[in-house]
N, C-alpha and C. Protein backbone atom coordinates (compact mmCIF):
# COMPACT_ATOMS: atom_id res chain seq x y z
N MET A 1 0.84 -1.16 0.00
CA MET A 1 -0.01 0.00 0.01
C MET A 1 0.90 1.24 0.00
N THR A 2 0.74 2.13 -0.95
CA THR A 2 1.52 3.35 -1.02
C THR A 2 0.88 4.41 -0.14
N ARG A 3 1.71 5.11 0.65
CA ARG A 3 1.20 6.16 1.52
C ARG A 3 1.98 7.42 1.26
N ASN A 4 1.32 8.59 1.47
CA ASN A 4 2.01 9.85 1.30
C ASN A 4 2.43 10.39 2.64
N LYS A 5 2.95 11.63 2.73
CA LYS A 5 3.48 12.18 3.97
C LYS A 5 2.43 12.31 5.07
N THR A 6 1.16 12.42 4.70
CA THR A 6 0.11 12.53 5.70
C THR A 6 -0.42 11.17 6.09
N ASN A 7 0.26 10.10 5.63
CA ASN A 7 -0.08 8.72 5.96
C ASN A 7 -1.43 8.29 5.43
N ARG A 8 -1.87 8.90 4.33
CA ARG A 8 -3.12 8.49 3.68
C ARG A 8 -2.77 7.69 2.44
N ARG A 9 -3.62 6.76 2.10
CA ARG A 9 -3.40 5.99 0.88
C ARG A 9 -3.47 6.92 -0.31
N VAL A 10 -2.43 6.93 -1.11
CA VAL A 10 -2.36 7.83 -2.25
C VAL A 10 -3.42 7.53 -3.28
N THR A 11 -3.63 6.29 -3.59
CA THR A 11 -4.55 5.93 -4.66
C THR A 11 -6.00 6.23 -4.30
N SER A 12 -6.42 5.90 -3.09
CA SER A 12 -7.81 6.15 -2.71
C SER A 12 -8.05 7.63 -2.43
N GLN A 13 -7.04 8.33 -1.95
CA GLN A 13 -7.18 9.76 -1.65
C GLN A 13 -7.60 10.53 -2.90
N TRP A 14 -6.99 10.24 -4.02
CA TRP A 14 -7.30 10.94 -5.25
C TRP A 14 -8.75 10.69 -5.65
N LYS A 15 -9.16 9.43 -5.64
CA LYS A 15 -10.53 9.09 -6.00
C LYS A 15 -11.52 9.74 -5.06
N THR A 16 -11.22 9.72 -3.76
CA THR A 16 -12.12 10.30 -2.76
C THR A 16 -12.33 11.79 -3.02
N ARG A 17 -11.27 12.49 -3.34
CA ARG A 17 -11.40 13.93 -3.60
C ARG A 17 -12.26 14.21 -4.82
N VAL A 18 -12.08 13.44 -5.88
CA VAL A 18 -12.90 13.65 -7.07
C VAL A 18 -14.35 13.33 -6.78
N THR A 19 -14.60 12.23 -6.09
CA THR A 19 -15.97 11.82 -5.78
C THR A 19 -16.64 12.81 -4.84
N SER A 20 -15.95 13.24 -3.80
CA SER A 20 -16.57 14.18 -2.85
C SER A 20 -16.81 15.53 -3.51
N ARG A 21 -15.94 15.94 -4.40
CA ARG A 21 -16.14 17.21 -5.10
C ARG A 21 -17.36 17.13 -6.00
N ARG A 22 -17.58 15.98 -6.60
CA ARG A 22 -18.75 15.79 -7.47
C ARG A 22 -20.02 16.02 -6.65
N LYS A 23 -20.03 15.54 -5.44
CA LYS A 23 -21.22 15.66 -4.61
C LYS A 23 -21.49 17.09 -4.19
N SER A 24 -20.44 17.94 -4.18
CA SER A 24 -20.63 19.29 -3.66
C SER A 24 -20.75 20.38 -4.74
N THR A 25 -20.69 20.02 -6.01
CA THR A 25 -20.80 21.04 -7.04
C THR A 25 -22.21 21.61 -7.05
N ASP A 26 -22.30 22.91 -7.25
CA ASP A 26 -23.60 23.57 -7.20
C ASP A 26 -23.99 24.23 -8.51
N GLY A 27 -23.21 23.99 -9.57
CA GLY A 27 -23.55 24.55 -10.87
C GLY A 27 -23.18 26.01 -11.04
N GLN A 28 -22.43 26.57 -10.13
CA GLN A 28 -22.06 27.97 -10.19
C GLN A 28 -20.63 28.13 -10.73
N ASN A 29 -20.46 27.86 -12.01
CA ASN A 29 -19.15 28.01 -12.68
C ASN A 29 -18.06 27.17 -12.05
N ASP A 30 -18.38 25.99 -11.62
CA ASP A 30 -17.39 25.11 -11.02
C ASP A 30 -16.44 24.56 -12.06
N VAL A 31 -15.16 24.56 -11.72
CA VAL A 31 -14.13 23.94 -12.54
C VAL A 31 -13.32 23.04 -11.61
N ILE A 32 -13.12 21.82 -12.05
CA ILE A 32 -12.34 20.86 -11.28
C ILE A 32 -11.14 20.47 -12.12
N LEU A 33 -9.94 20.67 -11.59
CA LEU A 33 -8.70 20.34 -12.28
C LEU A 33 -8.12 19.08 -11.65
N VAL A 34 -7.94 18.05 -12.47
CA VAL A 34 -7.34 16.79 -12.02
C VAL A 34 -5.99 16.66 -12.69
N ASP A 35 -4.94 16.76 -11.89
CA ASP A 35 -3.58 16.75 -12.40
C ASP A 35 -2.77 15.84 -11.51
N CYS A 36 -2.41 14.69 -11.90
CA CYS A 36 -2.09 14.22 -13.23
C CYS A 36 -2.52 12.75 -13.33
N ILE A 37 -3.17 12.40 -14.41
CA ILE A 37 -3.65 11.03 -14.61
C ILE A 37 -2.50 10.02 -14.65
N THR A 38 -1.42 10.36 -15.34
CA THR A 38 -0.31 9.41 -15.44
C THR A 38 0.37 9.18 -14.08
N LEU A 39 0.44 10.21 -13.25
CA LEU A 39 1.00 10.03 -11.90
C LEU A 39 0.09 9.11 -11.08
N TRP A 40 -1.22 9.32 -11.21
CA TRP A 40 -2.19 8.47 -10.53
C TRP A 40 -2.03 7.00 -10.96
N ILE A 41 -1.86 6.79 -12.27
CA ILE A 41 -1.65 5.43 -12.80
C ILE A 41 -0.37 4.82 -12.23
N THR A 42 0.68 5.63 -12.13
CA THR A 42 1.93 5.16 -11.54
C THR A 42 1.70 4.70 -10.12
N ASN A 43 1.00 5.51 -9.32
CA ASN A 43 0.72 5.15 -7.93
C ASN A 43 -0.10 3.87 -7.83
N LEU A 44 -1.08 3.72 -8.71
CA LEU A 44 -1.89 2.49 -8.71
C LEU A 44 -1.03 1.29 -9.06
N LEU A 45 -0.18 1.43 -10.06
CA LEU A 45 0.68 0.34 -10.52
C LEU A 45 1.66 -0.09 -9.41
N ILE A 46 2.28 0.88 -8.77
CA ILE A 46 3.23 0.58 -7.69
C ILE A 46 2.54 -0.09 -6.50
N ALA A 47 1.29 0.31 -6.25
CA ALA A 47 0.53 -0.27 -5.14
C ALA A 47 -0.14 -1.59 -5.54
N SER A 48 0.13 -2.08 -6.74
CA SER A 48 -0.44 -3.33 -7.26
C SER A 48 -1.96 -3.32 -7.25
N GLU A 49 -2.53 -2.18 -7.53
CA GLU A 49 -4.00 -2.07 -7.60
C GLU A 49 -4.44 -2.26 -9.04
N ASP A 50 -5.70 -2.55 -9.24
CA ASP A 50 -6.26 -2.81 -10.57
C ASP A 50 -6.49 -1.47 -11.30
N VAL A 51 -5.58 -1.14 -12.18
CA VAL A 51 -5.64 0.15 -12.90
C VAL A 51 -6.88 0.20 -13.80
N SER A 52 -7.18 -0.87 -14.49
CA SER A 52 -8.33 -0.87 -15.38
C SER A 52 -9.63 -0.61 -14.61
N ARG A 53 -9.79 -1.24 -13.47
CA ARG A 53 -10.98 -1.03 -12.64
C ARG A 53 -11.05 0.40 -12.16
N ALA A 54 -9.92 0.95 -11.71
CA ALA A 54 -9.88 2.32 -11.19
C ALA A 54 -10.22 3.32 -12.30
N VAL A 55 -9.71 3.08 -13.50
CA VAL A 55 -10.03 3.97 -14.63
C VAL A 55 -11.51 3.87 -14.95
N GLY A 56 -12.06 2.67 -14.90
CA GLY A 56 -13.50 2.49 -15.12
C GLY A 56 -14.33 3.26 -14.12
N GLU A 57 -13.91 3.24 -12.85
CA GLU A 57 -14.61 3.99 -11.81
C GLU A 57 -14.51 5.49 -12.06
N LEU A 58 -13.34 5.94 -12.49
CA LEU A 58 -13.17 7.36 -12.79
C LEU A 58 -14.07 7.76 -13.96
N CYS A 59 -14.10 6.94 -15.00
CA CYS A 59 -14.97 7.24 -16.15
C CYS A 59 -16.43 7.34 -15.72
N ALA A 60 -16.86 6.41 -14.88
CA ALA A 60 -18.25 6.43 -14.40
C ALA A 60 -18.51 7.69 -13.57
N THR A 61 -17.54 8.11 -12.78
CA THR A 61 -17.70 9.33 -11.99
C THR A 61 -17.76 10.57 -12.88
N LEU A 62 -16.90 10.61 -13.89
CA LEU A 62 -16.87 11.77 -14.79
C LEU A 62 -18.17 11.97 -15.53
N VAL A 63 -18.84 10.88 -15.88
CA VAL A 63 -20.11 10.97 -16.61
C VAL A 63 -21.16 11.71 -15.76
N GLU A 64 -21.03 11.63 -14.44
CA GLU A 64 -21.99 12.27 -13.53
C GLU A 64 -21.78 13.78 -13.42
N PHE A 65 -20.65 14.30 -13.86
CA PHE A 65 -20.37 15.73 -13.80
C PHE A 65 -21.06 16.44 -14.96
N ARG A 66 -22.19 17.04 -14.73
CA ARG A 66 -22.86 17.79 -15.79
C ARG A 66 -22.98 19.26 -15.40
N ASP A 67 -22.74 19.58 -14.13
CA ASP A 67 -22.84 20.97 -13.69
C ASP A 67 -21.47 21.56 -13.40
N ALA A 68 -20.40 20.89 -13.82
CA ALA A 68 -19.06 21.40 -13.61
C ALA A 68 -18.18 21.06 -14.80
N LYS A 69 -17.18 21.87 -15.03
CA LYS A 69 -16.19 21.58 -16.07
C LYS A 69 -15.05 20.85 -15.39
N VAL A 70 -14.74 19.67 -15.87
CA VAL A 70 -13.64 18.87 -15.35
C VAL A 70 -12.51 18.90 -16.36
N ILE A 71 -11.33 19.27 -15.91
CA ILE A 71 -10.15 19.29 -16.78
C ILE A 71 -9.20 18.23 -16.27
N LEU A 72 -8.89 17.28 -17.12
CA LEU A 72 -7.95 16.21 -16.79
C LEU A 72 -6.61 16.53 -17.47
N VAL A 73 -5.54 16.42 -16.71
CA VAL A 73 -4.19 16.63 -17.26
C VAL A 73 -3.47 15.29 -17.21
N THR A 74 -2.81 14.96 -18.29
CA THR A 74 -2.06 13.70 -18.36
C THR A 74 -0.88 13.88 -19.31
N HIS A 75 -0.03 12.91 -19.35
CA HIS A 75 1.13 12.95 -20.23
C HIS A 75 1.01 11.86 -21.29
N GLU A 76 1.33 12.20 -22.51
CA GLU A 76 1.36 11.22 -23.59
C GLU A 76 2.67 10.45 -23.46
N VAL A 77 2.57 9.13 -23.33
CA VAL A 77 3.78 8.33 -23.14
C VAL A 77 3.98 7.30 -24.26
N GLY A 78 3.10 7.31 -25.25
CA GLY A 78 3.19 6.28 -26.27
C GLY A 78 3.78 6.71 -27.60
N LEU A 79 4.29 7.92 -27.69
CA LEU A 79 4.83 8.41 -28.97
C LEU A 79 6.31 8.10 -29.17
N GLY A 80 6.97 7.61 -28.14
CA GLY A 80 8.40 7.35 -28.25
C GLY A 80 8.67 5.89 -28.59
N ILE A 81 9.89 5.48 -28.29
CA ILE A 81 10.27 4.09 -28.54
C ILE A 81 9.59 3.16 -27.55
N VAL A 82 9.53 1.88 -27.88
CA VAL A 82 8.98 0.89 -26.95
C VAL A 82 10.00 0.65 -25.85
N PRO A 83 9.60 0.85 -24.60
CA PRO A 83 10.55 0.68 -23.50
C PRO A 83 11.06 -0.76 -23.41
N GLU A 84 12.33 -0.91 -23.05
CA GLU A 84 12.92 -2.24 -22.89
C GLU A 84 12.45 -2.87 -21.58
N ASN A 85 12.22 -2.05 -20.57
CA ASN A 85 11.82 -2.51 -19.24
C ASN A 85 10.37 -2.96 -19.25
N ALA A 86 10.08 -4.13 -18.68
CA ALA A 86 8.72 -4.68 -18.69
C ALA A 86 7.74 -3.79 -17.95
N MET A 87 8.13 -3.24 -16.80
CA MET A 87 7.21 -2.38 -16.04
C MET A 87 6.92 -1.10 -16.82
N ALA A 88 7.90 -0.57 -17.50
CA ALA A 88 7.70 0.64 -18.29
C ALA A 88 6.75 0.36 -19.46
N ARG A 89 6.87 -0.80 -20.06
CA ARG A 89 5.94 -1.18 -21.15
C ARG A 89 4.52 -1.34 -20.61
N THR A 90 4.40 -1.95 -19.45
CA THR A 90 3.08 -2.11 -18.82
C THR A 90 2.48 -0.74 -18.53
N PHE A 91 3.28 0.14 -17.96
CA PHE A 91 2.82 1.49 -17.66
C PHE A 91 2.35 2.20 -18.94
N ARG A 92 3.17 2.12 -19.99
CA ARG A 92 2.81 2.78 -21.27
C ARG A 92 1.49 2.23 -21.81
N ASP A 93 1.31 0.94 -21.74
CA ASP A 93 0.07 0.32 -22.23
C ASP A 93 -1.14 0.71 -21.38
N LEU A 94 -0.97 0.71 -20.06
CA LEU A 94 -2.07 1.09 -19.17
C LEU A 94 -2.44 2.56 -19.36
N ALA A 95 -1.43 3.41 -19.51
CA ALA A 95 -1.71 4.84 -19.73
C ALA A 95 -2.43 5.05 -21.05
N GLY A 96 -1.99 4.38 -22.09
CA GLY A 96 -2.66 4.49 -23.39
C GLY A 96 -4.09 4.05 -23.35
N SER A 97 -4.34 2.94 -22.67
CA SER A 97 -5.71 2.44 -22.52
C SER A 97 -6.57 3.42 -21.72
N ALA A 98 -6.00 3.95 -20.64
CA ALA A 98 -6.72 4.94 -19.83
C ALA A 98 -7.06 6.18 -20.64
N HIS A 99 -6.11 6.66 -21.43
CA HIS A 99 -6.35 7.84 -22.27
C HIS A 99 -7.50 7.59 -23.23
N GLN A 100 -7.52 6.42 -23.84
CA GLN A 100 -8.59 6.09 -24.78
C GLN A 100 -9.95 6.03 -24.08
N ARG A 101 -9.99 5.39 -22.93
CA ARG A 101 -11.26 5.25 -22.20
C ARG A 101 -11.75 6.60 -21.68
N LEU A 102 -10.83 7.43 -21.19
CA LEU A 102 -11.23 8.75 -20.70
C LEU A 102 -11.69 9.63 -21.86
N ALA A 103 -11.03 9.55 -23.01
CA ALA A 103 -11.41 10.34 -24.17
C ALA A 103 -12.82 10.00 -24.62
N GLU A 104 -13.23 8.75 -24.45
CA GLU A 104 -14.59 8.35 -24.83
C GLU A 104 -15.65 9.09 -24.06
N VAL A 105 -15.41 9.37 -22.77
CA VAL A 105 -16.44 9.99 -21.93
C VAL A 105 -16.29 11.51 -21.86
N CYS A 106 -15.24 12.05 -22.42
CA CYS A 106 -15.02 13.49 -22.40
C CYS A 106 -15.66 14.16 -23.62
N ASP A 107 -16.15 15.37 -23.43
CA ASP A 107 -16.72 16.12 -24.55
C ASP A 107 -15.65 16.69 -25.46
N ASP A 108 -14.57 17.18 -24.88
CA ASP A 108 -13.47 17.78 -25.63
C ASP A 108 -12.17 17.12 -25.21
N VAL A 109 -11.29 16.87 -26.20
CA VAL A 109 -9.99 16.28 -25.93
C VAL A 109 -8.97 17.06 -26.74
N TYR A 110 -7.91 17.49 -26.05
CA TYR A 110 -6.85 18.28 -26.70
C TYR A 110 -5.50 17.62 -26.46
N PHE A 111 -4.65 17.69 -27.46
CA PHE A 111 -3.26 17.28 -27.36
C PHE A 111 -2.45 18.57 -27.46
N VAL A 112 -1.64 18.85 -26.45
CA VAL A 112 -0.89 20.10 -26.45
C VAL A 112 0.59 19.80 -26.67
N ALA A 113 1.16 20.41 -27.69
CA ALA A 113 2.58 20.27 -28.00
C ALA A 113 3.16 21.65 -28.22
N ALA A 114 4.25 21.94 -27.56
CA ALA A 114 4.91 23.25 -27.66
C ALA A 114 3.94 24.39 -27.35
N GLY A 115 3.03 24.14 -26.43
CA GLY A 115 2.07 25.16 -26.03
C GLY A 115 0.93 25.37 -26.99
N LEU A 116 0.85 24.56 -28.04
CA LEU A 116 -0.21 24.70 -29.03
C LEU A 116 -1.23 23.57 -28.88
N PRO A 117 -2.50 23.91 -28.66
CA PRO A 117 -3.52 22.86 -28.51
C PRO A 117 -4.03 22.34 -29.84
N PHE A 118 -4.02 21.03 -29.99
CA PHE A 118 -4.59 20.39 -31.16
C PHE A 118 -5.88 19.71 -30.72
N THR A 119 -6.98 20.00 -31.38
CA THR A 119 -8.27 19.43 -31.01
C THR A 119 -8.37 18.01 -31.57
N LEU A 120 -8.52 17.04 -30.67
CA LEU A 120 -8.71 15.66 -31.08
C LEU A 120 -10.18 15.29 -31.09
N LYS A 121 -10.97 15.97 -30.25
CA LYS A 121 -12.40 15.70 -30.15
C LYS A 121 -13.08 16.95 -29.62
N GLY A 122 -14.22 17.29 -30.17
CA GLY A 122 -14.99 18.40 -29.66
C GLY A 122 -14.66 19.73 -30.29
N GLU A 123 -14.93 20.79 -29.55
CA GLU A 123 -14.73 22.15 -30.04
C GLU A 123 -13.30 22.63 -29.79
N PRO A 124 -12.76 23.42 -30.73
CA PRO A 124 -11.43 24.01 -30.48
C PRO A 124 -11.49 24.94 -29.30
N PRO A 125 -10.39 25.05 -28.54
CA PRO A 125 -10.38 25.96 -27.40
C PRO A 125 -10.55 27.40 -27.87
N MET A 126 -11.15 28.22 -27.03
CA MET A 126 -11.35 29.62 -27.40
C MET A 126 -10.01 30.36 -27.36
N ALA A 127 -9.76 31.18 -28.39
CA ALA A 127 -8.55 32.01 -28.43
C ALA A 127 -8.73 33.20 -27.51
N ASP A 128 -7.61 33.71 -27.02
CA ASP A 128 -7.66 34.93 -26.19
C ASP A 128 -8.22 36.09 -27.01
N ALA A 129 -9.06 36.89 -26.39
CA ALA A 129 -9.67 38.04 -27.06
C ALA A 129 -8.72 39.21 -27.18
C-alpha cells in the first residue's frame, strides 16, 4: 500500500477527492482540475492495484459531472520508442488504454505540444480576445 506524507493511501485519496467534489458542485461556474492522470496510474501500478478497474470507476464518476467543467491533465507516453523494461511497457500500455477510455467519456480532448492545442475531439479551445 503506497502512503504519502500525511499517511493516507495515495490511490484512494485521489478518487475520494474527485468523488466528494462531485457531490458538492452547485452549478455555479465550477471547474475541477485533475492533475495528473499518469502520476495516478503510476501510484496504482506501484501499489499493485487494478488500474483498469480504477479507470473504469473514474470514467463512471466523470459521466456524472454535468454541472461542472472537469479538466484532466495527463502525459502522452506512447509516442516514443517501446521501453525495454517490462514495467515501463506495462505502464505505457495502461496509460494508453486509460487515455482512450477517458477520451470516450469526455466532450473535448486536446493534445498540447509546444504550447499549441490540437483538437482531437470536440470544439477548439477559445482564443484569447
